[in-house]
Amino acid sequence: MTVSVSSCVFSHEEIRERVKHLADSVLRPAAAEIDRTEEYPYAHARALRDIGIAGMTMPKAYGGRDVDFLGVTIAVEEAAKACGISGRIVVDTNMGAVPAIMAYGTETQKRRASELILDADKPAICFSEPQAGSDAVNMTTKAVRRGNSYILNGTKHWITGAGITRLYLVLAQVYDGETYQGIGSFMIEAGHPGFRVGKRLPAMGLRAIPEGTLHLEDCEVPADALLVPPAGLKKGFGQIMQAYNSQRIGAASVALGIAQGAYDASLAYVDEREQFGRTISEFQGVQWMLADMAITLRASRLLIQDTARNANPWPDVTASAQAKIFTAEGAIKVTNDALQLHGAAGYGRDLPLERMARDARMFTIGGGTTQILRNMVAGGLLGRRLPQTRT
């Protein structure tokens, strides 16, 4: 599928209509099959690219459209209603690593990253390690300066897109000789010597996008592979994490879209399914379930969109955490209630409800568990980092 796309900036409504049309024609019809095969949907990524959705947040000078984060959350929700994986592709080609590279990368890094992103590649941010999940600052991956190069050694774990992604933003403890410099982010492409994709980690949901391990074994990269934020390496990790807040509202938008899709299916079903001589929508218990689902969805959307709208230039850390907590937990409840309303049919694989329930379950874990995010919210309210997350 190839669509001619003009160079103009999209309006929010145009974004919604483009993605909605693609969702109906391409994304939804294939969602069950890619879940069954667990094969990454390159066709979906290319289709999103062809309608101008990949790299929307990049500046026009690099082929982007200067679309704001609010516009991206709209696109993510529309895609995820039909296919959670496609929603994640929209996030990863516009948020997280993308704005971080555009903000802190060199001209060469930005040019190369934009080439890959505009070709539908989804960059991966590589934080987690086998013994460093929520406690990311205690990562053991190490980068040691040697002349005009850095030598990286370590293992990354639960990396979304491992093996299908071409561009990786790898975080490591940086040393100049024996002197610790701080946590830095290195832009590394797949196939680089010493950079190896390990085993795939089978997951409960969102199965068509691989989670896997990455191994860095005396991986030598040029010194200019390092992104250096204005604050320098000592405080650079904090600036990278500010960019990562966009990933959190993106993840929340995927959860919202999945839940909205489940709710839409339920609203139609309860007016068709008859029991005891009437449609089940006539039962008050069902009505109350629908009402609670609708309230949760509206509140989630308002939290996400308010956070995105007020980004300056990044979404606020406390607001992003609040939006992700509420939406992720709400999506689990909404998708489970949607499955319940469909009864045995919802539990079966012929309908998408069981897939939606599995897919929604990830968002209270990935991108910051809801427990860690609650610590962040409390720290923001109290104006200080709390002891349980202080290093």
Protein backbone atom coordinates (compact mmCIF):
# COMPACT_ATOMS: atom_id res chain seq x y z
CA MET A 1 0.00 0.00 0.00
CA THR A 2 1.46 3.36 -1.01
CA VAL A 3 -0.23 6.65 -0.29
CA SER A 4 0.97 9.98 -1.62
CA VAL A 5 1.53 12.26 1.36
CA SER A 6 2.01 16.00 1.10
CA SER A 7 4.63 17.81 3.17
CA CYS A 8 2.08 19.88 5.08
CA VAL A 9 1.61 19.59 8.82
CA PHE A 10 -1.31 17.37 9.77
CA SER A 11 -4.23 18.71 11.77
CA HIS A 12 -5.38 16.54 14.65
CA GLU A 13 -8.58 15.70 12.81
CA GLU A 14 -6.68 14.70 9.68
CA ILE A 15 -4.45 12.44 11.78
CA ARG A 16 -7.52 10.80 13.30
CA GLU A 17 -9.20 10.23 9.93
CA ARG A 18 -6.07 8.87 8.24
CA VAL A 19 -5.41 6.35 11.00
CA LYS A 20 -9.07 5.40 11.38
CA HIS A 21 -9.29 4.59 7.68
CA LEU A 22 -6.10 2.54 7.84
CA ALA A 23 -7.32 0.75 10.97
CA ASP A 24 -10.52 -0.34 9.24
CA SER A 25 -8.85 -1.39 6.00
CA VAL A 26 -5.49 -2.83 7.07
CA LEU A 27 -4.83 -3.04 10.83
CA ARG A 28 -7.99 -4.65 12.25
CA PRO A 29 -8.35 -7.41 9.62
CA ALA A 30 -4.83 -8.71 10.37
CA ALA A 31 -4.70 -8.20 14.17
CA ALA A 32 -5.77 -11.70 15.16
CA GLU A 33 -3.41 -13.37 12.68
CA ILE A 34 -0.30 -11.50 13.79
CA ASP A 35 -1.18 -12.35 17.39
CA ARG A 36 -1.46 -16.03 16.42
CA THR A 37 1.78 -16.17 14.42
CA GLU A 38 3.69 -13.74 16.71
CA GLU A 39 5.32 -12.29 13.60
CA TYR A 40 6.11 -8.59 13.51
CA PRO A 41 3.74 -6.80 11.09
CA TYR A 42 6.16 -5.01 8.78
CA ALA A 43 3.19 -4.36 6.49
CA HIS A 44 1.48 -2.38 9.25
CA ALA A 45 4.61 -0.35 9.89
CA ARG A 46 4.96 0.43 6.18
CA ALA A 47 1.28 1.34 5.90
CA LEU A 48 1.61 3.79 8.80
CA ARG A 49 4.72 5.19 7.12
CA ASP A 50 2.91 5.59 3.82
CA ILE A 51 0.18 7.77 5.33
CA GLY A 52 2.79 9.97 7.01
CA ILE A 53 2.43 8.76 10.61
CA ALA A 54 6.01 7.56 11.23
CA GLY A 55 8.26 10.36 12.45
CA MET A 56 5.47 12.95 12.73
CA THR A 57 7.10 14.59 15.76
CA MET A 58 10.41 15.19 14.01
CA PRO A 59 11.12 18.69 12.71
CA LYS A 60 10.26 19.31 9.06
CA ALA A 61 13.97 19.87 8.37
CA TYR A 62 14.47 16.13 8.99
CA GLY A 63 11.40 14.98 7.08
CA GLY A 64 8.96 15.17 9.98
CA ARG A 65 5.83 17.26 10.41
CA ASP A 66 6.34 19.07 13.71
CA VAL A 67 3.25 17.30 15.09
CA ASP A 68 2.79 17.79 18.83
CA PHE A 69 2.43 14.99 21.36
CA LEU A 70 -1.34 15.48 21.49
CA GLY A 71 -1.55 14.64 17.80
CA VAL A 72 0.44 11.48 18.38
CA THR A 73 -1.81 10.32 21.24
CA ILE A 74 -4.79 10.67 18.89
CA ALA A 75 -3.06 8.53 16.26
CA VAL A 76 -2.01 5.94 18.84
CA GLU A 77 -5.51 5.54 20.24
CA GLU A 78 -7.08 5.11 16.79
CA ALA A 79 -4.50 2.50 15.77
CA ALA A 80 -4.70 0.60 19.08
CA LYS A 81 -8.50 0.30 18.91
CA ALA A 82 -7.90 -2.05 16.01
CA CYS A 83 -4.47 -3.49 16.83
CA GLY A 84 -2.40 -2.91 19.96
CA ILE A 85 0.85 -3.68 18.13
CA SER A 86 0.14 -0.97 15.57
CA GLY A 87 -0.49 1.49 18.40
CA ARG A 88 2.93 0.65 19.80
CA ILE A 89 4.53 1.20 16.40
CA VAL A 90 3.04 4.70 16.29
CA VAL A 91 4.45 5.39 19.77
CA ASP A 92 7.92 4.11 19.00
CA THR A 93 8.23 6.00 15.71
CA ASN A 94 7.26 9.30 17.36
CA MET A 95 7.99 9.26 21.09
CA GLY A 96 10.67 8.18 23.55
CA ALA A 97 13.86 7.65 21.56
CA VAL A 98 12.76 9.85 18.67
CA PRO A 99 12.44 13.19 20.51
CA ALA A 100 15.50 12.31 22.62
CA ILE A 101 17.66 11.93 19.51
CA MET A 102 16.17 15.05 17.92
CA ALA A 103 16.86 17.05 21.10
CA TYR A 104 20.30 15.75 22.08
CA GLY A 105 21.82 14.11 19.02
CA THR A 106 24.48 15.51 16.74
CA GLU A 107 23.53 16.58 13.24
CA THR A 108 24.87 13.28 11.90
CA GLN A 109 22.89 11.28 14.46
CA LYS A 110 19.69 13.15 13.70
CA ARG A 111 20.07 12.70 9.96
CA ARG A 112 20.73 8.97 10.24
CA ALA A 113 17.94 8.40 12.76
CA SER A 114 15.45 10.28 10.61
CA GLU A 115 16.33 8.10 7.59
CA LEU A 116 15.52 4.95 9.53
CA ILE A 117 12.42 6.28 11.28
CA LEU A 118 10.91 7.63 8.06
CA ASP A 119 11.48 4.16 6.61
CA ALA A 120 9.19 2.74 9.33
CA ASP A 121 11.90 1.59 11.75
CA LYS A 122 10.90 1.75 15.41
CA PRO A 123 13.84 2.75 17.61
CA ALA A 124 14.28 0.94 20.92
CA ILE A 125 15.37 2.50 24.20
CA CYS A 126 17.47 -0.06 26.05
CA PHE A 127 17.21 0.47 29.82
CA SER A 128 16.38 -2.82 31.48
CA GLU A 129 18.86 -5.50 32.47
CA PRO A 130 18.43 -8.89 34.14
CA GLN A 131 19.08 -7.33 37.58
CA ALA A 132 18.09 -3.73 36.82
CA GLY A 133 14.44 -3.24 36.00
CA SER A 134 12.71 -0.57 38.04
CA ASP A 135 16.10 0.29 39.57
CA ALA A 136 17.45 1.33 36.17
CA VAL A 137 20.29 3.52 37.48
CA ASN A 138 21.97 0.41 38.86
CA MET A 139 22.53 -0.99 35.38
CA THR A 140 25.84 -2.77 34.93
CA THR A 141 26.33 -2.21 31.21
CA LYS A 142 29.57 -0.28 30.99
CA ALA A 143 31.07 1.98 28.31
CA VAL A 144 34.79 2.77 28.67
CA ARG A 145 36.47 5.50 26.63
CA ARG A 146 39.42 4.32 24.56
CA GLY A 147 40.83 7.05 22.36
CA ASN A 148 38.12 8.12 19.94
CA SER A 149 35.93 5.15 20.79
CA TYR A 150 33.88 3.59 23.59
CA ILE A 151 33.96 -0.11 24.39
CA LEU A 152 30.60 -1.40 25.64
CA ASN A 153 29.98 -4.59 27.59
CA GLY A 154 26.76 -5.78 29.19
CA THR A 155 23.37 -7.37 28.66
CA LYS A 156 20.01 -5.70 28.10
CA HIS A 157 16.76 -7.46 28.91
CA TRP A 158 13.10 -7.14 27.86
CA ILE A 159 13.95 -4.88 24.95
CA THR A 160 10.87 -4.23 22.84
CA GLY A 161 11.67 -4.81 19.20
CA ALA A 162 14.90 -6.73 19.78
CA GLY A 163 15.77 -8.36 16.47
CA ILE A 164 13.40 -6.36 14.25
CA THR A 165 14.57 -2.87 15.22
CA ARG A 166 17.47 -1.34 13.30
CA LEU A 167 18.15 1.59 15.66
CA TYR A 168 18.88 1.18 19.37
CA LEU A 169 19.46 3.78 22.07
CA VAL A 170 21.59 1.87 24.58
CA LEU A 171 22.10 3.25 28.08
CA ALA A 172 25.31 2.47 29.94
CA GLN A 173 27.51 3.59 32.82
CA VAL A 174 30.17 5.72 31.12
CA TYR A 175 33.83 5.82 32.20
CA ASP A 176 36.81 7.76 30.97
CA GLY A 177 39.52 5.38 32.07
CA GLU A 178 38.71 4.72 35.75
CA THR A 179 36.76 7.97 36.15
CA TYR A 180 32.99 7.64 36.24
CA GLN A 181 31.23 10.17 33.99
CA GLY A 182 27.55 9.31 34.42
CA ILE A 183 24.89 7.38 32.51
CA GLY A 184 25.01 7.91 28.76
CA SER A 185 22.95 6.89 25.74
CA PHE A 186 24.63 5.41 22.68
CA MET A 187 23.04 5.23 19.25
CA ILE A 188 23.86 1.82 17.81
CA GLU A 189 22.49 0.11 14.72
CA ALA A 190 21.68 -3.56 14.35
CA GLY A 191 24.54 -5.63 12.99
CA HIS A 192 27.28 -3.50 14.54
CA PRO A 193 30.25 -5.70 15.54
CA GLY A 194 29.96 -6.82 19.16
CA PHE A 195 26.23 -6.02 19.28
CA ARG A 196 24.22 -9.21 19.28
CA VAL A 197 20.53 -10.02 19.66
CA GLY A 198 19.96 -12.87 22.12
CA LYS A 199 16.94 -15.03 22.80
CA ARG A 200 13.37 -13.90 22.42
CA LEU A 201 11.35 -13.69 25.63
CA PRO A 202 7.83 -15.06 25.02
CA ALA A 203 5.15 -12.76 26.39
CA MET A 204 1.53 -13.03 27.47
CA GLY A 205 0.24 -10.31 25.17
CA LEU A 206 1.29 -7.96 22.38
CA ARG A 207 2.91 -11.06 20.96
CA ALA A 208 3.71 -9.80 17.48
CA ILE A 209 6.38 -7.40 18.66
CA PRO A 210 9.36 -9.31 20.07
CA GLU A 211 10.74 -8.78 23.55
CA GLY A 212 14.30 -9.96 23.79
CA THR A 213 17.83 -9.72 25.12
CA LEU A 214 20.75 -7.79 23.70
CA HIS A 215 24.40 -8.61 24.31
CA LEU A 216 27.24 -6.11 24.03
CA GLU A 217 30.56 -7.92 23.90
CA ASP A 218 33.54 -5.58 23.50
CA CYS A 219 31.27 -3.56 21.26
CA GLU A 220 33.39 -0.67 19.95
CA VAL A 221 31.53 2.42 18.82
CA PRO A 222 32.88 5.84 17.81
CA ALA A 223 32.82 8.50 20.51
CA ASP A 224 30.25 10.45 18.54
CA ALA A 225 27.73 7.60 18.99
CA LEU A 226 27.13 9.07 22.44
CA LEU A 227 24.25 11.49 22.92
CA VAL A 228 25.33 14.29 25.21
CA PRO A 229 22.47 16.39 26.64
CA PRO A 230 23.20 20.03 27.53
CA ALA A 231 23.53 19.12 31.22
CA GLY A 232 26.38 16.75 30.41
CA LEU A 233 26.63 13.12 31.45
CA LYS A 234 26.42 13.79 35.19
CA LYS A 235 22.83 14.98 34.82
CA GLY A 236 22.20 13.72 31.34
CA PHE A 237 20.27 10.66 32.48
CA GLY A 238 17.61 12.96 33.92
CA GLN A 239 17.26 14.76 30.60
CA ILE A 240 16.94 11.48 28.72
CA MET A 241 14.25 10.45 31.21
CA GLN A 242 12.39 13.72 30.55
CA ALA A 243 12.18 12.72 26.90
CA TYR A 244 11.03 9.28 28.05
CA ASN A 245 7.94 10.84 29.64
CA SER A 246 6.53 11.08 26.13
CA GLN A 247 6.87 7.29 25.89
CA ARG A 248 4.74 6.96 29.01
CA ILE A 249 1.81 8.95 27.64
CA GLY A 250 2.26 6.99 24.43
CA ALA A 251 1.98 3.72 26.33
CA ALA A 252 -1.08 5.05 28.14
CA SER A 253 -2.62 5.90 24.77
CA VAL A 254 -2.11 2.32 23.55
CA ALA A 255 -3.83 1.01 26.67
CA LEU A 256 -6.67 3.50 26.14
CA GLY A 257 -7.10 2.48 22.51
CA ILE A 258 -7.22 -1.22 23.35
CA ALA A 259 -9.79 -0.57 26.08
CA GLN A 260 -11.86 1.69 23.81
CA GLY A 261 -11.93 -1.01 21.15
CA ALA A 262 -13.15 -3.53 23.71
CA TYR A 263 -15.82 -1.13 24.96
CA ASP A 264 -17.04 -0.37 21.42
CA ALA A 265 -17.45 -4.09 20.74
CA SER A 266 -19.35 -4.52 24.00
CA LEU A 267 -21.71 -1.62 23.39
CA ALA A 268 -22.76 -3.15 20.09
CA TYR A 269 -22.98 -6.69 21.48
CA VAL A 270 -25.26 -5.99 24.46
CA ASP A 271 -27.90 -4.54 22.13
CA GLU A 272 -27.82 -7.71 20.00
CA ARG A 273 -27.48 -10.53 22.53
CA GLU A 274 -30.82 -11.72 23.92
CA GLN A 275 -31.43 -13.67 27.12
CA PHE A 276 -34.67 -14.22 29.01
CA GLY A 277 -36.62 -12.64 26.17
CA ARG A 278 -34.81 -9.31 26.00
CA THR A 279 -31.45 -7.88 25.05
CA ILE A 280 -28.92 -7.97 27.86
CA SER A 281 -28.60 -4.18 27.60
CA GLU A 282 -31.95 -4.05 29.44
CA PHE A 283 -30.40 -5.46 32.62
CA GLN A 284 -29.29 -2.85 35.14
CA GLY A 285 -26.17 -4.80 36.07
CA VAL A 286 -24.99 -4.61 32.46
CA GLN A 287 -25.89 -0.93 32.24
CA TRP A 288 -23.78 -0.12 35.28
CA MET A 289 -20.81 -2.00 33.84
CA LEU A 290 -21.08 0.02 30.64
CA ALA A 291 -21.39 3.28 32.58
CA ASP A 292 -18.25 2.55 34.63
CA MET A 293 -16.33 1.58 31.49
CA ALA A 294 -17.30 4.82 29.75
CA ILE A 295 -16.33 6.91 32.79
CA THR A 296 -12.92 5.22 32.98
CA LEU A 297 -12.27 5.77 29.29
CA ARG A 298 -13.23 9.43 29.37
CA ALA A 299 -11.16 10.16 32.46
CA SER A 300 -8.16 8.33 30.95
CA ARG A 301 -8.40 10.31 27.73
CA LEU A 302 -8.63 13.61 29.59
CA LEU A 303 -5.54 12.78 31.68
CA ILE A 304 -3.52 11.77 28.62
CA GLN A 305 -4.57 14.68 26.45
CA ASP A 306 -4.13 17.27 29.19
CA THR A 307 -0.60 15.98 29.83
CA ALA A 308 0.24 15.95 26.12
CA ARG A 309 -1.26 19.38 25.51
CA ASN A 310 0.80 20.98 28.27
CA ALA A 311 4.17 19.48 27.30
CA ASN A 312 6.85 22.18 27.56
CA PRO A 313 8.77 20.79 25.75
CA TRP A 314 8.34 17.43 27.49
CA PRO A 315 5.27 16.07 29.24
CA ASP A 316 5.39 16.71 32.98
CA VAL A 317 6.81 13.74 34.88
CA THR A 318 4.12 13.68 37.57
CA ALA A 319 1.27 14.17 35.12
CA SER A 320 2.69 11.47 32.81
CA ALA A 321 2.91 9.01 35.69
CA GLN A 322 -0.64 9.81 36.80
CA ALA A 323 -1.98 9.33 33.29
CA LYS A 324 -0.20 6.00 32.83
CA ILE A 325 -1.23 4.63 36.24
CA PHE A 326 -4.90 5.49 35.84
CA THR A 327 -5.17 4.44 32.21
CA ALA A 328 -3.21 1.19 32.54
CA GLU A 329 -5.19 0.01 35.54
CA GLY A 330 -8.43 1.18 33.96
CA ALA A 331 -7.68 -0.65 30.71
CA ILE A 332 -7.29 -3.94 32.56
CA LYS A 333 -10.71 -3.44 34.19
CA VAL A 334 -12.42 -2.31 30.99
CA THR A 335 -11.07 -5.15 28.83
CA ASN A 336 -11.92 -7.74 31.46
CA ASP A 337 -15.45 -6.36 31.84
CA ALA A 338 -15.82 -6.35 28.05
CA LEU A 339 -14.79 -10.01 27.95
CA GLN A 340 -17.26 -10.75 30.76
CA LEU A 341 -20.11 -9.07 28.90
CA HIS A 342 -19.47 -11.36 25.94
CA GLY A 343 -19.56 -14.45 28.16
CA ALA A 344 -18.12 -17.65 26.73
CA ALA A 345 -17.77 -16.02 23.30
CA GLY A 346 -15.47 -13.38 24.84
CA TYR A 347 -13.30 -16.10 26.35
CA GLY A 348 -12.99 -17.81 22.97
CA ARG A 349 -10.43 -16.91 20.36
CA ASP A 350 -12.91 -16.18 17.58
CA LEU A 351 -13.49 -12.73 19.08
CA PRO A 352 -10.76 -10.19 19.92
CA LEU A 353 -11.71 -9.74 23.60
CA GLU A 354 -9.31 -12.31 25.04
CA ARG A 355 -6.48 -10.81 22.96
CA MET A 356 -7.37 -7.31 24.11
CA ALA A 357 -7.38 -8.42 27.75
CA ARG A 358 -3.94 -10.00 27.34
CA ASP A 359 -2.56 -6.98 25.51
CA ALA A 360 -3.85 -4.49 28.10
CA ARG A 361 -2.15 -6.37 30.93
CA MET A 362 1.31 -5.18 29.91
CA PHE A 363 0.82 -1.51 30.65
CA THR A 364 0.95 -1.67 34.44
CA ILE A 365 4.44 -3.17 34.03
CA GLY A 366 6.27 -1.90 30.93
CA GLY A 367 7.59 1.66 30.88
CA GLY A 368 7.50 1.88 34.67
CA THR A 369 5.40 -0.29 36.97
CA THR A 370 2.41 1.38 38.55
CA GLN A 371 4.09 0.93 41.95
CA ILE A 372 7.24 2.81 40.89
CA LEU A 373 5.14 5.45 39.14
CA ARG A 374 3.18 6.01 42.35
CA ASN A 375 6.49 6.71 44.10
CA MET A 376 7.24 9.25 41.38
CA VAL A 377 3.84 10.91 41.80
CA ALA A 378 4.33 11.12 45.56
CA GLY A 379 7.83 12.53 45.08
CA GLY A 380 6.44 15.18 42.75
CA LEU A 381 3.76 16.13 45.24
CA LEU A 382 6.23 16.34 48.12
CA GLY A 383 8.91 18.03 46.06
CA ARG A 384 11.66 15.50 46.71
CA ARG A 385 12.86 12.04 45.80
CA LEU A 386 11.69 9.47 48.31
CA PRO A 387 14.02 7.09 50.19
CA GLN A 388 12.80 3.93 48.45
CA THR A 389 14.00 5.19 45.06
CA ARG A 390 17.02 7.23 46.17
CA THR A 391 20.43 5.88 45.15
